[in-house]
Amino acid sequence: GGSSFVPPDQNMRRVAEYCPMKFDYMFGSAPGSGVSGSNKDSDAVQPAIIYVGSFDTYGISEQIKSPESSMSLDDFINFWIFIYESIHVHLYQQSMSLGKMVFLDVVCDLSGLSLQQFAPYFVTKVMKPWLRMTQSNYPETTRRIYILKPPSIINFAWNLVTPLLSQGTVAKIRFEKKFKGSADDFCGTRK
């Protein structure tokens, strides 16, 4: 909910149904939203919430591999390109408006993350090309990546995902194991 980035293609819009995220803070429609960092010398930051633990990786995989489905891997990758490009345009506009760089903090809520989300098909046929594209084309999109509510399988997930990330991206990741509130609450504390 809350995304003002609406993909132009129906199949790309269908991808969004499997990958919940929230950009309300970027567009001022959430309590306490807007650009943080009012000090002229500090970075300005806008948060986005990605509910990784709620990603329906099985559904995505089934759609992509089914000959009856109109959703392809290209639709999945193009959806993310659209999201990243839209974020870049928004951050550029905010930077020009404020006269200083505005960066993105990504808040990844891992509530509900399970081993089933890392099925071999999803990891090899979807996640690897997706992260390869992201790392190749958008390595500096985020300032920080905050991980909320890491489940007991986090070591498995970390060992699977980390080799696909650049060292620069890994250095941006912060595990917030002690934070017990919602992703919205976390975004409100980052001001």
C-alpha atoms as a PDB file:
ATOM      1  CA  GLY A   1       0.000   0.000   0.000  1.00  0.00           C
ATOM      2  CA  GLY A   2       0.921   3.607  -0.367  1.00  0.00           C
ATOM      3  CA  SER A   3       3.214   3.424  -3.369  1.00  0.00           C
ATOM      4  CA  SER A   4       2.938   6.338  -5.738  1.00  0.00           C
ATOM      5  CA  PHE A   5       5.103   4.437  -8.184  1.00  0.00           C
ATOM      6  CA  VAL A   6       2.558   2.696 -10.409  1.00  0.00           C
ATOM      7  CA  PRO A   7       4.162   0.514 -13.078  1.00  0.00           C
ATOM      8  CA  PRO A   8       2.770   1.208 -16.554  1.00  0.00           C
ATOM      9  CA  ASP A   9       2.434  -2.458 -17.507  1.00  0.00           C
ATOM     10  CA  GLN A  10      -0.204  -4.838 -16.103  1.00  0.00           C
ATOM     11  CA  ASN A  11       2.256  -7.727 -15.650  1.00  0.00           C
ATOM     12  CA  MET A  12       4.635  -5.444 -13.764  1.00  0.00           C
ATOM     13  CA  ARG A  13       1.730  -4.319 -11.549  1.00  0.00           C
ATOM     14  CA  ARG A  14       1.007  -7.998 -10.836  1.00  0.00           C
ATOM     15  CA  VAL A  15       4.564  -8.396  -9.509  1.00  0.00           C
ATOM     16  CA  ALA A  16       3.768  -5.776  -6.867  1.00  0.00           C
ATOM     17  CA  GLU A  17       1.075  -8.090  -5.472  1.00  0.00           C
ATOM     18  CA  TYR A  18       3.817 -10.585  -4.545  1.00  0.00           C
ATOM     19  CA  CYS A  19       6.308  -8.040  -3.157  1.00  0.00           C
ATOM     20  CA  PRO A  20       4.697  -5.760  -0.552  1.00  0.00           C
ATOM     21  CA  MET A  21       6.429  -2.450   0.092  1.00  0.00           C
ATOM     22  CA  LYS A  22       5.559   1.024   1.269  1.00  0.00           C
ATOM     23  CA  PHE A  23       6.708   4.410   0.035  1.00  0.00           C
ATOM     24  CA  ASP A  24       4.280   6.531   2.089  1.00  0.00           C
ATOM     25  CA  TYR A  25       7.166   8.263   3.858  1.00  0.00           C
ATOM     26  CA  MET A  26       8.624   9.446   0.578  1.00  0.00           C
ATOM     27  CA  PHE A  27       5.363  11.067  -0.467  1.00  0.00           C
ATOM     28  CA  GLY A  28       4.318  12.590   2.835  1.00  0.00           C
ATOM     29  CA  SER A  29       1.301  10.348   3.380  1.00  0.00           C
ATOM     30  CA  ALA A  30       2.514   8.681   6.585  1.00  0.00           C
ATOM     31  CA  PRO A  31       2.654  10.239  10.066  1.00  0.00           C
ATOM     32  CA  GLY A  32       5.995  11.950  10.570  1.00  0.00           C
ATOM     33  CA  SER A  33       6.905  11.511   6.914  1.00  0.00           C
ATOM     34  CA  GLY A  34       8.962  13.738   4.727  1.00  0.00           C
ATOM     35  CA  VAL A  35      12.656  14.314   4.412  1.00  0.00           C
ATOM     36  CA  SER A  36      14.645  14.020   7.618  1.00  0.00           C
ATOM     37  CA  GLY A  37      17.917  15.839   8.164  1.00  0.00           C
ATOM     38  CA  SER A  38      17.064  19.511   8.321  1.00  0.00           C
ATOM     39  CA  ASN A  39      20.637  20.547   9.163  1.00  0.00           C
ATOM     40  CA  LYS A  40      22.072  22.130   6.021  1.00  0.00           C
ATOM     41  CA  ASP A  41      25.277  20.117   6.364  1.00  0.00           C
ATOM     42  CA  SER A  42      23.676  16.743   7.041  1.00  0.00           C
ATOM     43  CA  ASP A  43      22.360  14.212   4.581  1.00  0.00           C
ATOM     44  CA  ALA A  44      18.653  14.242   3.977  1.00  0.00           C
ATOM     45  CA  VAL A  45      17.030  10.823   4.104  1.00  0.00           C
ATOM     46  CA  GLN A  46      13.737   9.287   3.071  1.00  0.00           C
ATOM     47  CA  PRO A  47      12.753   5.784   4.196  1.00  0.00           C
ATOM     48  CA  ALA A  48      11.051   3.053   2.204  1.00  0.00           C
ATOM     49  CA  ILE A  49       9.713  -0.135   3.771  1.00  0.00           C
ATOM     50  CA  ILE A  50      10.078  -3.492   2.058  1.00  0.00           C
ATOM     51  CA  TYR A  51       8.180  -6.339   3.702  1.00  0.00           C
ATOM     52  CA  VAL A  52      10.656  -9.029   2.648  1.00  0.00           C
ATOM     53  CA  GLY A  53       9.221 -11.548   5.111  1.00  0.00           C
ATOM     54  CA  SER A  54       5.881 -11.257   3.296  1.00  0.00           C
ATOM     55  CA  PHE A  55       7.259 -11.769  -0.224  1.00  0.00           C
ATOM     56  CA  ASP A  56       5.373 -14.575  -1.936  1.00  0.00           C
ATOM     57  CA  THR A  57       8.401 -16.118  -3.582  1.00  0.00           C
ATOM     58  CA  TYR A  58       6.483 -19.328  -4.321  1.00  0.00           C
ATOM     59  CA  GLY A  59       3.779 -17.365  -6.136  1.00  0.00           C
ATOM     60  CA  ILE A  60       6.359 -15.349  -8.065  1.00  0.00           C
ATOM     61  CA  SER A  61       8.205 -18.529  -9.069  1.00  0.00           C
ATOM     62  CA  GLU A  62       5.006 -20.292 -10.135  1.00  0.00           C
ATOM     63  CA  GLN A  63       3.940 -17.308 -12.245  1.00  0.00           C
ATOM     64  CA  ILE A  64       7.325 -17.013 -13.933  1.00  0.00           C
ATOM     65  CA  LYS A  65       7.746 -20.698 -14.755  1.00  0.00           C
ATOM     66  CA  SER A  66       4.152 -21.393 -15.801  1.00  0.00           C
ATOM     67  CA  PRO A  67       3.596 -21.456 -19.594  1.00  0.00           C
ATOM     68  CA  GLU A  68      -0.022 -20.328 -18.943  1.00  0.00           C
ATOM     69  CA  SER A  69       1.074 -17.202 -17.060  1.00  0.00           C
ATOM     70  CA  SER A  70       1.653 -13.901 -18.783  1.00  0.00           C
ATOM     71  CA  MET A  71       4.180 -12.857 -16.079  1.00  0.00           C
ATOM     72  CA  SER A  72       7.802 -13.475 -17.036  1.00  0.00           C
ATOM     73  CA  LEU A  73      11.175 -13.039 -15.364  1.00  0.00           C
ATOM     74  CA  ASP A  74      11.560  -9.928 -17.552  1.00  0.00           C
ATOM     75  CA  ASP A  75       8.358  -8.527 -16.002  1.00  0.00           C
ATOM     76  CA  PHE A  76       9.772  -9.172 -12.531  1.00  0.00           C
ATOM     77  CA  ILE A  77      13.119  -7.544 -13.350  1.00  0.00           C
ATOM     78  CA  ASN A  78      11.424  -4.654 -15.190  1.00  0.00           C
ATOM     79  CA  PHE A  79       9.177  -4.047 -12.185  1.00  0.00           C
ATOM     80  CA  TRP A  80      12.247  -3.549  -9.998  1.00  0.00           C
ATOM     81  CA  ILE A  81      13.957  -1.379 -12.626  1.00  0.00           C
ATOM     82  CA  PHE A  82      10.815   0.770 -12.686  1.00  0.00           C
ATOM     83  CA  ILE A  83      10.824   1.042  -8.870  1.00  0.00           C
ATOM     84  CA  TYR A  84      14.541   1.921  -8.712  1.00  0.00           C
ATOM     85  CA  GLU A  85      14.293   4.469 -11.538  1.00  0.00           C
ATOM     86  CA  SER A  86      11.219   6.054  -9.940  1.00  0.00           C
ATOM     87  CA  ILE A  87      13.060   6.314  -6.624  1.00  0.00           C
ATOM     88  CA  HIS A  88      16.041   7.918  -8.360  1.00  0.00           C
ATOM     89  CA  VAL A  89      13.838  10.535 -10.033  1.00  0.00           C
ATOM     90  CA  HIS A  90      12.083  11.265  -6.746  1.00  0.00           C
ATOM     91  CA  LEU A  91      15.354  11.581  -4.807  1.00  0.00           C
ATOM     92  CA  TYR A  92      16.804  13.818  -7.529  1.00  0.00           C
ATOM     93  CA  GLN A  93      13.756  16.105  -7.403  1.00  0.00           C
ATOM     94  CA  GLN A  94      13.960  16.257  -3.597  1.00  0.00           C
ATOM     95  CA  SER A  95      17.701  16.967  -3.766  1.00  0.00           C
ATOM     96  CA  MET A  96      17.147  19.848  -6.205  1.00  0.00           C
ATOM     97  CA  SER A  97      14.323  21.229  -4.090  1.00  0.00           C
ATOM     98  CA  LEU A  98      16.339  21.137  -0.846  1.00  0.00           C
ATOM     99  CA  GLY A  99      19.687  22.088  -2.331  1.00  0.00           C
ATOM    100  CA  LYS A 100      21.392  19.031  -0.836  1.00  0.00           C
ATOM    101  CA  MET A 101      21.578  15.338  -1.552  1.00  0.00           C
ATOM    102  CA  VAL A 102      18.637  13.222  -0.432  1.00  0.00           C
ATOM    103  CA  PHE A 103      19.307   9.542   0.151  1.00  0.00           C
ATOM    104  CA  LEU A 104      17.147   6.479   0.692  1.00  0.00           C
ATOM    105  CA  ASP A 105      17.109   4.308   3.798  1.00  0.00           C
ATOM    106  CA  VAL A 106      15.561   0.925   3.114  1.00  0.00           C
ATOM    107  CA  VAL A 107      13.818  -0.738   6.037  1.00  0.00           C
ATOM    108  CA  CYS A 108      13.472  -4.485   5.450  1.00  0.00           C
ATOM    109  CA  ASP A 109      10.870  -6.089   7.696  1.00  0.00           C
ATOM    110  CA  LEU A 110      11.680  -9.796   7.861  1.00  0.00           C
ATOM    111  CA  SER A 111       8.590 -10.750   9.893  1.00  0.00           C
ATOM    112  CA  GLY A 112       7.416 -14.120   8.611  1.00  0.00           C
ATOM    113  CA  LEU A 113      10.577 -14.920   6.640  1.00  0.00           C
ATOM    114  CA  SER A 114      10.898 -18.693   6.249  1.00  0.00           C
ATOM    115  CA  LEU A 115      13.056 -21.310   4.569  1.00  0.00           C
ATOM    116  CA  GLN A 116      10.243 -21.952   2.067  1.00  0.00           C
ATOM    117  CA  GLN A 117      10.905 -18.513   0.570  1.00  0.00           C
ATOM    118  CA  PHE A 118      14.346 -19.722  -0.501  1.00  0.00           C
ATOM    119  CA  ALA A 119      13.251 -22.560  -2.778  1.00  0.00           C
ATOM    120  CA  PRO A 120      15.925 -23.501  -5.330  1.00  0.00           C
ATOM    121  CA  TYR A 121      13.940 -22.192  -8.318  1.00  0.00           C
ATOM    122  CA  PHE A 122      13.418 -18.773  -6.730  1.00  0.00           C
ATOM    123  CA  VAL A 123      17.057 -18.483  -5.615  1.00  0.00           C
ATOM    124  CA  THR A 124      18.637 -19.534  -8.924  1.00  0.00           C
ATOM    125  CA  LYS A 125      16.131 -18.300 -11.504  1.00  0.00           C
ATOM    126  CA  VAL A 126      14.719 -15.154  -9.857  1.00  0.00           C
ATOM    127  CA  MET A 127      16.752 -13.879  -6.908  1.00  0.00           C
ATOM    128  CA  LYS A 128      20.204 -14.230  -8.512  1.00  0.00           C
ATOM    129  CA  PRO A 129      19.352 -12.310 -11.723  1.00  0.00           C
ATOM    130  CA  TRP A 130      17.396  -9.734  -9.690  1.00  0.00           C
ATOM    131  CA  LEU A 131      20.266  -9.056  -7.284  1.00  0.00           C
ATOM    132  CA  ARG A 132      22.806  -9.132 -10.139  1.00  0.00           C
ATOM    133  CA  MET A 133      20.811  -6.439 -11.964  1.00  0.00           C
ATOM    134  CA  THR A 134      20.419  -4.420  -8.763  1.00  0.00           C
ATOM    135  CA  GLN A 135      24.116  -4.602  -7.869  1.00  0.00           C
ATOM    136  CA  SER A 136      25.211  -3.787 -11.432  1.00  0.00           C
ATOM    137  CA  ASN A 137      22.916  -0.829 -11.984  1.00  0.00           C
ATOM    138  CA  TYR A 138      21.834   0.578  -8.600  1.00  0.00           C
ATOM    139  CA  PRO A 139      24.682   0.096  -6.115  1.00  0.00           C
ATOM    140  CA  GLU A 140      24.389   3.562  -4.591  1.00  0.00           C
ATOM    141  CA  THR A 141      20.617   3.891  -4.335  1.00  0.00           C
ATOM    142  CA  THR A 142      20.556   3.461  -0.567  1.00  0.00           C
ATOM    143  CA  ARG A 143      22.420   5.079   2.290  1.00  0.00           C
ATOM    144  CA  ARG A 144      21.528   2.360   4.832  1.00  0.00           C
ATOM    145  CA  ILE A 145      19.607  -0.902   4.852  1.00  0.00           C
ATOM    146  CA  TYR A 146      17.992  -1.653   8.194  1.00  0.00           C
ATOM    147  CA  ILE A 147      16.973  -5.243   8.906  1.00  0.00           C
ATOM    148  CA  LEU A 148      14.069  -5.563  11.356  1.00  0.00           C
ATOM    149  CA  LYS A 149      12.830  -8.716  13.074  1.00  0.00           C
ATOM    150  CA  PRO A 150      15.426 -11.157  11.754  1.00  0.00           C
ATOM    151  CA  PRO A 151      14.087 -14.697  12.282  1.00  0.00           C
ATOM    152  CA  SER A 152      16.044 -17.726  13.425  1.00  0.00           C
ATOM    153  CA  ILE A 153      16.873 -18.593   9.797  1.00  0.00           C
ATOM    154  CA  ILE A 154      18.735 -15.299   9.298  1.00  0.00           C
ATOM    155  CA  ASN A 155      22.165 -16.987   9.215  1.00  0.00           C
ATOM    156  CA  PHE A 156      20.998 -19.282   6.398  1.00  0.00           C
ATOM    157  CA  ALA A 157      19.491 -16.353   4.475  1.00  0.00           C
ATOM    158  CA  TRP A 158      22.536 -14.162   5.097  1.00  0.00           C
ATOM    159  CA  ASN A 159      24.906 -16.875   3.803  1.00  0.00           C
ATOM    160  CA  LEU A 160      22.742 -17.305   0.700  1.00  0.00           C
ATOM    161  CA  VAL A 161      22.322 -13.607  -0.137  1.00  0.00           C
ATOM    162  CA  THR A 162      25.639 -12.051   0.924  1.00  0.00           C
ATOM    163  CA  PRO A 163      27.745 -13.589  -1.907  1.00  0.00           C
ATOM    164  CA  LEU A 164      25.375 -11.891  -4.374  1.00  0.00           C
ATOM    165  CA  LEU A 165      25.963  -8.437  -2.853  1.00  0.00           C
ATOM    166  CA  SER A 166      28.870  -6.044  -3.249  1.00  0.00           C
ATOM    167  CA  GLN A 167      31.001  -5.282  -0.199  1.00  0.00           C
ATOM    168  CA  GLY A 168      29.690  -1.716  -0.393  1.00  0.00           C
ATOM    169  CA  THR A 169      26.112  -2.947  -0.050  1.00  0.00           C
ATOM    170  CA  VAL A 170      26.983  -5.347   2.781  1.00  0.00           C
ATOM    171  CA  ALA A 171      28.640  -2.444   4.658  1.00  0.00           C
ATOM    172  CA  LYS A 172      25.337  -0.508   4.531  1.00  0.00           C
ATOM    173  CA  ILE A 173      23.335  -3.244   6.279  1.00  0.00           C
ATOM    174  CA  ARG A 174      22.413  -2.753   9.933  1.00  0.00           C
ATOM    175  CA  PHE A 175      20.628  -5.461  11.920  1.00  0.00           C
ATOM    176  CA  GLU A 176      18.208  -3.932  14.410  1.00  0.00           C
ATOM    177  CA  LYS A 177      17.662  -7.048  16.536  1.00  0.00           C
ATOM    178  CA  LYS A 178      16.560  -5.153  19.647  1.00  0.00           C
ATOM    179  CA  PHE A 179      13.898  -3.052  17.914  1.00  0.00           C
ATOM    180  CA  LYS A 180      10.505  -4.632  18.629  1.00  0.00           C
ATOM    181  CA  GLY A 181       8.094  -2.130  17.059  1.00  0.00           C
ATOM    182  CA  SER A 182       6.641  -2.027  13.573  1.00  0.00           C
ATOM    183  CA  ALA A 183       8.479  -0.876  10.460  1.00  0.00           C
ATOM    184  CA  ASP A 184       6.366   2.292  10.607  1.00  0.00           C
ATOM    185  CA  ASP A 185       7.483   2.869  14.199  1.00  0.00           C
ATOM    186  CA  PHE A 186      11.105   2.370  13.135  1.00  0.00           C
ATOM    187  CA  CYS A 187      10.759   4.947  10.351  1.00  0.00           C
ATOM    188  CA  GLY A 188       9.363   7.399  12.879  1.00  0.00           C
ATOM    189  CA  THR A 189      12.429   6.925  15.108  1.00  0.00           C
ATOM    190  CA  ARG A 190      14.891   7.618  12.289  1.00  0.00           C
ATOM    191  CA  LYS A 191      14.008  11.339  12.092  1.00  0.00           C
END
